């Protein structure tokens, strides 16, 4: 727990919320329901995630209430956590380094771009699609995920979509631009699954 210069009471928690599809950032779609739920609690003023997806910060209205308030919310959203002891990250609340509540949608927008790039990289590199086709497919995939990843989903819903719906959507965009036959060829060649990249938590998103 930390008391800031303006007497805010803040608790920091280590969490495994790194994005599987974009390992340099936190998973916005995974953490958004958690942060919004935390901020609905009367005892909590603000809830934040750091850019890397490794620390959640809670700014309390008065006294810290990890066991009574935070613990049940972490459990509800199936997020493992470990309270940090007197270790305040120097970057806390620095613009671009921390995201409060629904601000994590900005991370999801970055993830959408990363997913789109990963989904067409191998096909473009190996000449299975032209540069123009790759650009069209990538644009459609990014637009799709910019909408999908900001929707509120439970952990299980996110897992199911990452393993089924999202992958099918990528194939559908290929088919839209290069037809079913060539899409089957691309699939046989192997489209890199963006949801299996350096996954550090079982969400695959």
C-alpha atoms as a PDB file:
ATOM      1  CA  UNK A   1       0.000   0.000   0.000  1.00  0.00           C
ATOM      2  CA  UNK A   2       1.193   3.513  -0.741  1.00  0.00           C
ATOM      3  CA  UNK A   3       0.156   6.950   0.413  1.00  0.00           C
ATOM      4  CA  UNK A   4       0.752   9.553  -2.314  1.00  0.00           C
ATOM      5  CA  UNK A   5       1.913  13.123  -1.884  1.00  0.00           C
ATOM      6  CA  UNK A   6      -1.707  14.333  -1.908  1.00  0.00           C
ATOM      7  CA  UNK A   7      -2.613  11.705   0.697  1.00  0.00           C
ATOM      8  CA  UNK A   8      -4.304   9.265  -1.683  1.00  0.00           C
ATOM      9  CA  UNK A   9      -4.248   5.683  -0.434  1.00  0.00           C
ATOM     10  CA  UNK A  10      -3.161   3.440  -3.307  1.00  0.00           C
ATOM     11  CA  UNK A  11      -2.604  -0.312  -3.475  1.00  0.00           C
ATOM     12  CA  UNK A  12      -0.670  -1.987  -6.305  1.00  0.00           C
ATOM     13  CA  UNK A  13      -1.151  -5.598  -7.380  1.00  0.00           C
ATOM     14  CA  UNK A  14       0.938  -7.785  -9.678  1.00  0.00           C
ATOM     15  CA  UNK A  15      -1.355  -9.375 -12.286  1.00  0.00           C
ATOM     16  CA  UNK A  16      -0.861 -11.665 -15.356  1.00  0.00           C
ATOM     17  CA  UNK A  17      -2.750  -9.543 -17.883  1.00  0.00           C
ATOM     18  CA  UNK A  18      -0.223  -9.299 -20.714  1.00  0.00           C
ATOM     19  CA  UNK A  19      -1.854  -9.504 -24.142  1.00  0.00           C
ATOM     20  CA  UNK A  20      -1.218 -12.773 -25.948  1.00  0.00           C
ATOM     21  CA  UNK A  21      -1.691 -11.210 -29.389  1.00  0.00           C
ATOM     22  CA  UNK A  22       0.465  -8.163 -28.576  1.00  0.00           C
ATOM     23  CA  UNK A  23       2.896  -9.183 -25.811  1.00  0.00           C
ATOM     24  CA  UNK A  24       4.294  -5.679 -25.270  1.00  0.00           C
ATOM     25  CA  UNK A  25       1.014  -4.375 -23.843  1.00  0.00           C
ATOM     26  CA  UNK A  26      -1.778  -5.312 -21.462  1.00  0.00           C
ATOM     27  CA  UNK A  27      -4.924  -7.070 -22.653  1.00  0.00           C
ATOM     28  CA  UNK A  28      -7.580  -4.365 -22.747  1.00  0.00           C
ATOM     29  CA  UNK A  29     -10.475  -6.717 -23.428  1.00  0.00           C
ATOM     30  CA  UNK A  30      -9.479  -8.963 -20.508  1.00  0.00           C
ATOM     31  CA  UNK A  31      -8.979  -6.213 -17.928  1.00  0.00           C
ATOM     32  CA  UNK A  32     -11.747  -3.788 -18.906  1.00  0.00           C
ATOM     33  CA  UNK A  33     -14.562  -5.637 -17.059  1.00  0.00           C
ATOM     34  CA  UNK A  34     -12.336  -5.914 -13.970  1.00  0.00           C
ATOM     35  CA  UNK A  35     -11.454  -2.220 -13.831  1.00  0.00           C
ATOM     36  CA  UNK A  36     -15.019  -1.085 -14.481  1.00  0.00           C
ATOM     37  CA  UNK A  37     -16.329  -3.432 -11.781  1.00  0.00           C
ATOM     38  CA  UNK A  38     -13.723  -2.201  -9.300  1.00  0.00           C
ATOM     39  CA  UNK A  39     -14.730   1.402  -9.911  1.00  0.00           C
ATOM     40  CA  UNK A  40     -18.369   0.560  -9.158  1.00  0.00           C
ATOM     41  CA  UNK A  41     -17.407  -0.196  -5.564  1.00  0.00           C
ATOM     42  CA  UNK A  42     -18.091   2.606  -3.085  1.00  0.00           C
ATOM     43  CA  UNK A  43     -14.714   2.083  -1.410  1.00  0.00           C
ATOM     44  CA  UNK A  44     -12.770   2.599  -4.654  1.00  0.00           C
ATOM     45  CA  UNK A  45     -12.098   5.938  -6.303  1.00  0.00           C
ATOM     46  CA  UNK A  46     -10.075   4.773  -9.317  1.00  0.00           C
ATOM     47  CA  UNK A  47      -8.745   1.543 -10.856  1.00  0.00           C
ATOM     48  CA  UNK A  48      -5.789   1.497 -13.262  1.00  0.00           C
ATOM     49  CA  UNK A  49      -3.726  -0.915 -15.372  1.00  0.00           C
ATOM     50  CA  UNK A  50      -0.156  -0.226 -16.412  1.00  0.00           C
ATOM     51  CA  UNK A  51       0.646  -0.355 -20.119  1.00  0.00           C
ATOM     52  CA  UNK A  52       2.539  -3.638 -19.830  1.00  0.00           C
ATOM     53  CA  UNK A  53      -0.453  -5.412 -18.277  1.00  0.00           C
ATOM     54  CA  UNK A  54       1.483  -6.471 -15.196  1.00  0.00           C
ATOM     55  CA  UNK A  55       0.177  -4.146 -12.456  1.00  0.00           C
ATOM     56  CA  UNK A  56      -3.288  -3.043 -11.346  1.00  0.00           C
ATOM     57  CA  UNK A  57      -3.522   0.024  -9.088  1.00  0.00           C
ATOM     58  CA  UNK A  58      -6.482   0.849  -6.865  1.00  0.00           C
ATOM     59  CA  UNK A  59      -6.962   4.348  -5.463  1.00  0.00           C
ATOM     60  CA  UNK A  60      -9.142   4.029  -2.371  1.00  0.00           C
ATOM     61  CA  UNK A  61     -11.701   6.559  -1.187  1.00  0.00           C
ATOM     62  CA  UNK A  62     -10.581   6.073   2.395  1.00  0.00           C
ATOM     63  CA  UNK A  63      -8.888   3.030   3.920  1.00  0.00           C
ATOM     64  CA  UNK A  64      -7.621   0.201   1.716  1.00  0.00           C
ATOM     65  CA  UNK A  65      -9.915  -2.834   1.731  1.00  0.00           C
ATOM     66  CA  UNK A  66      -8.184  -5.509  -0.312  1.00  0.00           C
ATOM     67  CA  UNK A  67      -9.706  -8.518   1.471  1.00  0.00           C
ATOM     68  CA  UNK A  68     -13.211  -7.079   1.806  1.00  0.00           C
ATOM     69  CA  UNK A  69     -13.602  -5.313  -1.550  1.00  0.00           C
ATOM     70  CA  UNK A  70     -10.849  -6.015  -4.098  1.00  0.00           C
ATOM     71  CA  UNK A  71     -10.380  -9.749  -3.522  1.00  0.00           C
ATOM     72  CA  UNK A  72     -13.982 -10.731  -4.432  1.00  0.00           C
ATOM     73  CA  UNK A  73     -13.793  -8.667  -7.648  1.00  0.00           C
ATOM     74  CA  UNK A  74     -10.476 -10.208  -8.703  1.00  0.00           C
ATOM     75  CA  UNK A  75     -11.979 -13.635  -7.999  1.00  0.00           C
ATOM     76  CA  UNK A  76     -15.176 -12.873  -9.925  1.00  0.00           C
ATOM     77  CA  UNK A  77     -13.156 -11.970 -13.028  1.00  0.00           C
ATOM     78  CA  UNK A  78     -10.719 -14.874 -12.559  1.00  0.00           C
ATOM     79  CA  UNK A  79      -7.670 -12.637 -12.272  1.00  0.00           C
ATOM     80  CA  UNK A  80      -4.798 -13.848 -10.119  1.00  0.00           C
ATOM     81  CA  UNK A  81      -3.129 -11.092  -8.116  1.00  0.00           C
ATOM     82  CA  UNK A  82      -0.441 -10.476  -5.557  1.00  0.00           C
ATOM     83  CA  UNK A  83      -0.331  -7.298  -3.518  1.00  0.00           C
ATOM     84  CA  UNK A  84       2.903  -5.354  -3.860  1.00  0.00           C
ATOM     85  CA  UNK A  85       4.423  -4.186  -0.590  1.00  0.00           C
ATOM     86  CA  UNK A  86       5.449  -0.509  -0.403  1.00  0.00           C
ATOM     87  CA  UNK A  87       6.604  -0.523  -4.012  1.00  0.00           C
ATOM     88  CA  UNK A  88       5.110   2.378  -5.953  1.00  0.00           C
ATOM     89  CA  UNK A  89       5.961   2.279  -9.690  1.00  0.00           C
ATOM     90  CA  UNK A  90       7.622   5.559 -10.656  1.00  0.00           C
ATOM     91  CA  UNK A  91       5.526   5.690 -13.813  1.00  0.00           C
ATOM     92  CA  UNK A  92       2.168   5.610 -12.008  1.00  0.00           C
ATOM     93  CA  UNK A  93      -0.456   7.768 -13.770  1.00  0.00           C
ATOM     94  CA  UNK A  94       2.092   9.005 -16.295  1.00  0.00           C
ATOM     95  CA  UNK A  95       0.324   9.700 -19.582  1.00  0.00           C
ATOM     96  CA  UNK A  96       0.559   6.696 -21.885  1.00  0.00           C
ATOM     97  CA  UNK A  97       1.911   4.441 -19.145  1.00  0.00           C
ATOM     98  CA  UNK A  98      -1.303   3.811 -17.188  1.00  0.00           C
ATOM     99  CA  UNK A  99      -4.934   3.444 -18.227  1.00  0.00           C
ATOM    100  CA  UNK A 100      -7.972   3.970 -16.019  1.00  0.00           C
ATOM    101  CA  UNK A 101     -11.187   2.009 -16.465  1.00  0.00           C
ATOM    102  CA  UNK A 102     -12.471   2.085 -20.047  1.00  0.00           C
ATOM    103  CA  UNK A 103      -9.312   3.909 -21.180  1.00  0.00           C
ATOM    104  CA  UNK A 104      -7.876   0.418 -21.726  1.00  0.00           C
ATOM    105  CA  UNK A 105      -9.815   0.468 -25.015  1.00  0.00           C
ATOM    106  CA  UNK A 106      -6.743   2.296 -26.323  1.00  0.00           C
ATOM    107  CA  UNK A 107      -4.733  -0.857 -25.699  1.00  0.00           C
ATOM    108  CA  UNK A 108      -7.355  -2.877 -27.567  1.00  0.00           C
ATOM    109  CA  UNK A 109      -6.972  -0.575 -30.581  1.00  0.00           C
ATOM    110  CA  UNK A 110      -3.239  -1.292 -30.588  1.00  0.00           C
ATOM    111  CA  UNK A 111      -3.965  -4.989 -30.269  1.00  0.00           C
ATOM    112  CA  UNK A 112      -6.306  -4.826 -33.276  1.00  0.00           C
ATOM    113  CA  UNK A 113      -3.513  -3.390 -35.396  1.00  0.00           C
ATOM    114  CA  UNK A 114      -1.080  -6.043 -34.177  1.00  0.00           C
ATOM    115  CA  UNK A 115      -3.541  -8.852 -34.913  1.00  0.00           C
ATOM    116  CA  UNK A 116      -4.108  -7.546 -38.432  1.00  0.00           C
ATOM    117  CA  UNK A 117      -0.396  -7.320 -39.153  1.00  0.00           C
ATOM    118  CA  UNK A 118       0.293 -10.799 -37.779  1.00  0.00           C
ATOM    119  CA  UNK A 119      -2.618 -12.322 -39.701  1.00  0.00           C
ATOM    120  CA  UNK A 120      -1.322 -11.277 -43.125  1.00  0.00           C
ATOM    121  CA  UNK A 121       2.454 -11.192 -42.594  1.00  0.00           C
ATOM    122  CA  UNK A 122       3.263 -14.768 -43.600  1.00  0.00           C
ATOM    123  CA  UNK A 123       0.898 -14.849 -46.583  1.00  0.00           C
ATOM    124  CA  UNK A 124       2.293 -11.570 -47.902  1.00  0.00           C
ATOM    125  CA  UNK A 125       5.907 -12.590 -47.307  1.00  0.00           C
ATOM    126  CA  UNK A 126       5.450 -15.896 -49.128  1.00  0.00           C
ATOM    127  CA  UNK A 127       3.634 -14.338 -52.087  1.00  0.00           C
ATOM    128  CA  UNK A 128       0.265 -15.967 -51.443  1.00  0.00           C
ATOM    129  CA  UNK A 129      -1.404 -12.560 -51.609  1.00  0.00           C
ATOM    130  CA  UNK A 130      -0.336  -9.440 -53.466  1.00  0.00           C
ATOM    131  CA  UNK A 131       0.668  -6.289 -51.569  1.00  0.00           C
ATOM    132  CA  UNK A 132      -2.664  -4.704 -52.538  1.00  0.00           C
ATOM    133  CA  UNK A 133      -4.644  -7.727 -51.355  1.00  0.00           C
ATOM    134  CA  UNK A 134      -2.657  -7.872 -48.123  1.00  0.00           C
ATOM    135  CA  UNK A 135      -3.421  -4.210 -47.450  1.00  0.00           C
ATOM    136  CA  UNK A 136      -7.166  -4.729 -48.003  1.00  0.00           C
ATOM    137  CA  UNK A 137      -7.308  -7.843 -45.834  1.00  0.00           C
ATOM    138  CA  UNK A 138      -5.285  -6.194 -43.080  1.00  0.00           C
ATOM    139  CA  UNK A 139      -7.514  -3.123 -43.121  1.00  0.00           C
ATOM    140  CA  UNK A 140     -10.679  -5.210 -42.754  1.00  0.00           C
ATOM    141  CA  UNK A 141      -9.207  -7.355 -39.977  1.00  0.00           C
ATOM    142  CA  UNK A 142      -8.071  -4.309 -38.023  1.00  0.00           C
ATOM    143  CA  UNK A 143     -11.466  -2.606 -38.367  1.00  0.00           C
ATOM    144  CA  UNK A 144     -13.209  -5.777 -37.185  1.00  0.00           C
ATOM    145  CA  UNK A 145     -11.061  -6.164 -34.085  1.00  0.00           C
ATOM    146  CA  UNK A 146     -11.200  -2.468 -33.235  1.00  0.00           C
ATOM    147  CA  UNK A 147     -14.912  -3.039 -32.678  1.00  0.00           C
ATOM    148  CA  UNK A 148     -14.810  -6.533 -31.198  1.00  0.00           C
ATOM    149  CA  UNK A 149     -12.059  -6.073 -28.636  1.00  0.00           C
ATOM    150  CA  UNK A 150     -13.763  -3.185 -26.830  1.00  0.00           C
ATOM    151  CA  UNK A 151     -16.887  -5.247 -26.123  1.00  0.00           C
ATOM    152  CA  UNK A 152     -17.366  -6.496 -22.573  1.00  0.00           C
ATOM    153  CA  UNK A 153     -16.730 -10.245 -22.358  1.00  0.00           C
ATOM    154  CA  UNK A 154     -16.126 -12.667 -19.525  1.00  0.00           C
ATOM    155  CA  UNK A 155     -12.878 -14.599 -19.474  1.00  0.00           C
ATOM    156  CA  UNK A 156     -14.586 -17.698 -20.853  1.00  0.00           C
ATOM    157  CA  UNK A 157     -16.362 -15.774 -23.602  1.00  0.00           C
ATOM    158  CA  UNK A 158     -13.059 -14.238 -24.620  1.00  0.00           C
ATOM    159  CA  UNK A 159     -11.384 -17.632 -24.683  1.00  0.00           C
ATOM    160  CA  UNK A 160     -14.131 -19.118 -26.823  1.00  0.00           C
ATOM    161  CA  UNK A 161     -14.084 -16.260 -29.319  1.00  0.00           C
ATOM    162  CA  UNK A 162     -10.284 -16.284 -29.559  1.00  0.00           C
ATOM    163  CA  UNK A 163     -10.332 -20.004 -30.326  1.00  0.00           C
ATOM    164  CA  UNK A 164     -13.222 -19.920 -32.771  1.00  0.00           C
ATOM    165  CA  UNK A 165     -15.102 -16.800 -33.845  1.00  0.00           C
ATOM    166  CA  UNK A 166     -12.062 -14.540 -34.214  1.00  0.00           C
ATOM    167  CA  UNK A 167     -10.067 -17.045 -36.241  1.00  0.00           C
ATOM    168  CA  UNK A 168     -13.011 -17.680 -38.542  1.00  0.00           C
ATOM    169  CA  UNK A 169     -13.435 -13.943 -39.058  1.00  0.00           C
ATOM    170  CA  UNK A 170      -9.846 -13.692 -40.289  1.00  0.00           C
ATOM    171  CA  UNK A 171     -10.484 -16.467 -42.829  1.00  0.00           C
ATOM    172  CA  UNK A 172     -13.701 -14.761 -43.926  1.00  0.00           C
ATOM    173  CA  UNK A 173     -11.793 -11.582 -44.753  1.00  0.00           C
ATOM    174  CA  UNK A 174      -9.310 -13.560 -46.808  1.00  0.00           C
ATOM    175  CA  UNK A 175     -12.194 -15.207 -48.672  1.00  0.00           C
ATOM    176  CA  UNK A 176     -13.818 -11.831 -49.286  1.00  0.00           C
ATOM    177  CA  UNK A 177     -10.751 -10.528 -51.110  1.00  0.00           C
ATOM    178  CA  UNK A 178      -9.131 -13.590 -52.708  1.00  0.00           C
ATOM    179  CA  UNK A 179     -11.931 -16.181 -52.889  1.00  0.00           C
ATOM    180  CA  UNK A 180     -12.502 -19.496 -51.149  1.00  0.00           C
ATOM    181  CA  UNK A 181     -10.049 -21.537 -53.222  1.00  0.00           C
ATOM    182  CA  UNK A 182      -7.057 -19.289 -52.607  1.00  0.00           C
ATOM    183  CA  UNK A 183      -8.063 -18.879 -48.969  1.00  0.00           C
ATOM    184  CA  UNK A 184      -7.955 -22.661 -48.594  1.00  0.00           C
ATOM    185  CA  UNK A 185      -4.440 -22.547 -50.020  1.00  0.00           C
ATOM    186  CA  UNK A 186      -3.396 -19.847 -47.583  1.00  0.00           C
ATOM    187  CA  UNK A 187      -4.897 -21.819 -44.725  1.00  0.00           C
ATOM    188  CA  UNK A 188      -3.091 -24.987 -45.797  1.00  0.00           C
ATOM    189  CA  UNK A 189       0.156 -23.038 -45.996  1.00  0.00           C
ATOM    190  CA  UNK A 190      -0.474 -21.826 -42.477  1.00  0.00           C
ATOM    191  CA  UNK A 191      -1.838 -18.510 -41.246  1.00  0.00           C
ATOM    192  CA  UNK A 192      -0.061 -17.469 -38.067  1.00  0.00           C
ATOM    193  CA  UNK A 193      -2.573 -17.482 -35.250  1.00  0.00           C
ATOM    194  CA  UNK A 194      -2.188 -14.077 -33.588  1.00  0.00           C
ATOM    195  CA  UNK A 195      -3.775 -15.369 -30.389  1.00  0.00           C
ATOM    196  CA  UNK A 196      -0.976 -17.841 -29.710  1.00  0.00           C
ATOM    197  CA  UNK A 197       1.852 -15.345 -29.511  1.00  0.00           C
ATOM    198  CA  UNK A 198       3.850 -15.331 -26.281  1.00  0.00           C
ATOM    199  CA  UNK A 199       0.692 -15.917 -24.278  1.00  0.00           C
ATOM    200  CA  UNK A 200       1.458 -15.307 -20.628  1.00  0.00           C
ATOM    201  CA  UNK A 201      -2.026 -15.964 -19.338  1.00  0.00           C
ATOM    202  CA  UNK A 202      -4.602 -18.509 -20.382  1.00  0.00           C
ATOM    203  CA  UNK A 203      -6.855 -15.930 -22.037  1.00  0.00           C
ATOM    204  CA  UNK A 204      -5.073 -16.116 -25.426  1.00  0.00           C
ATOM    205  CA  UNK A 205      -6.166 -12.590 -26.158  1.00  0.00           C
END
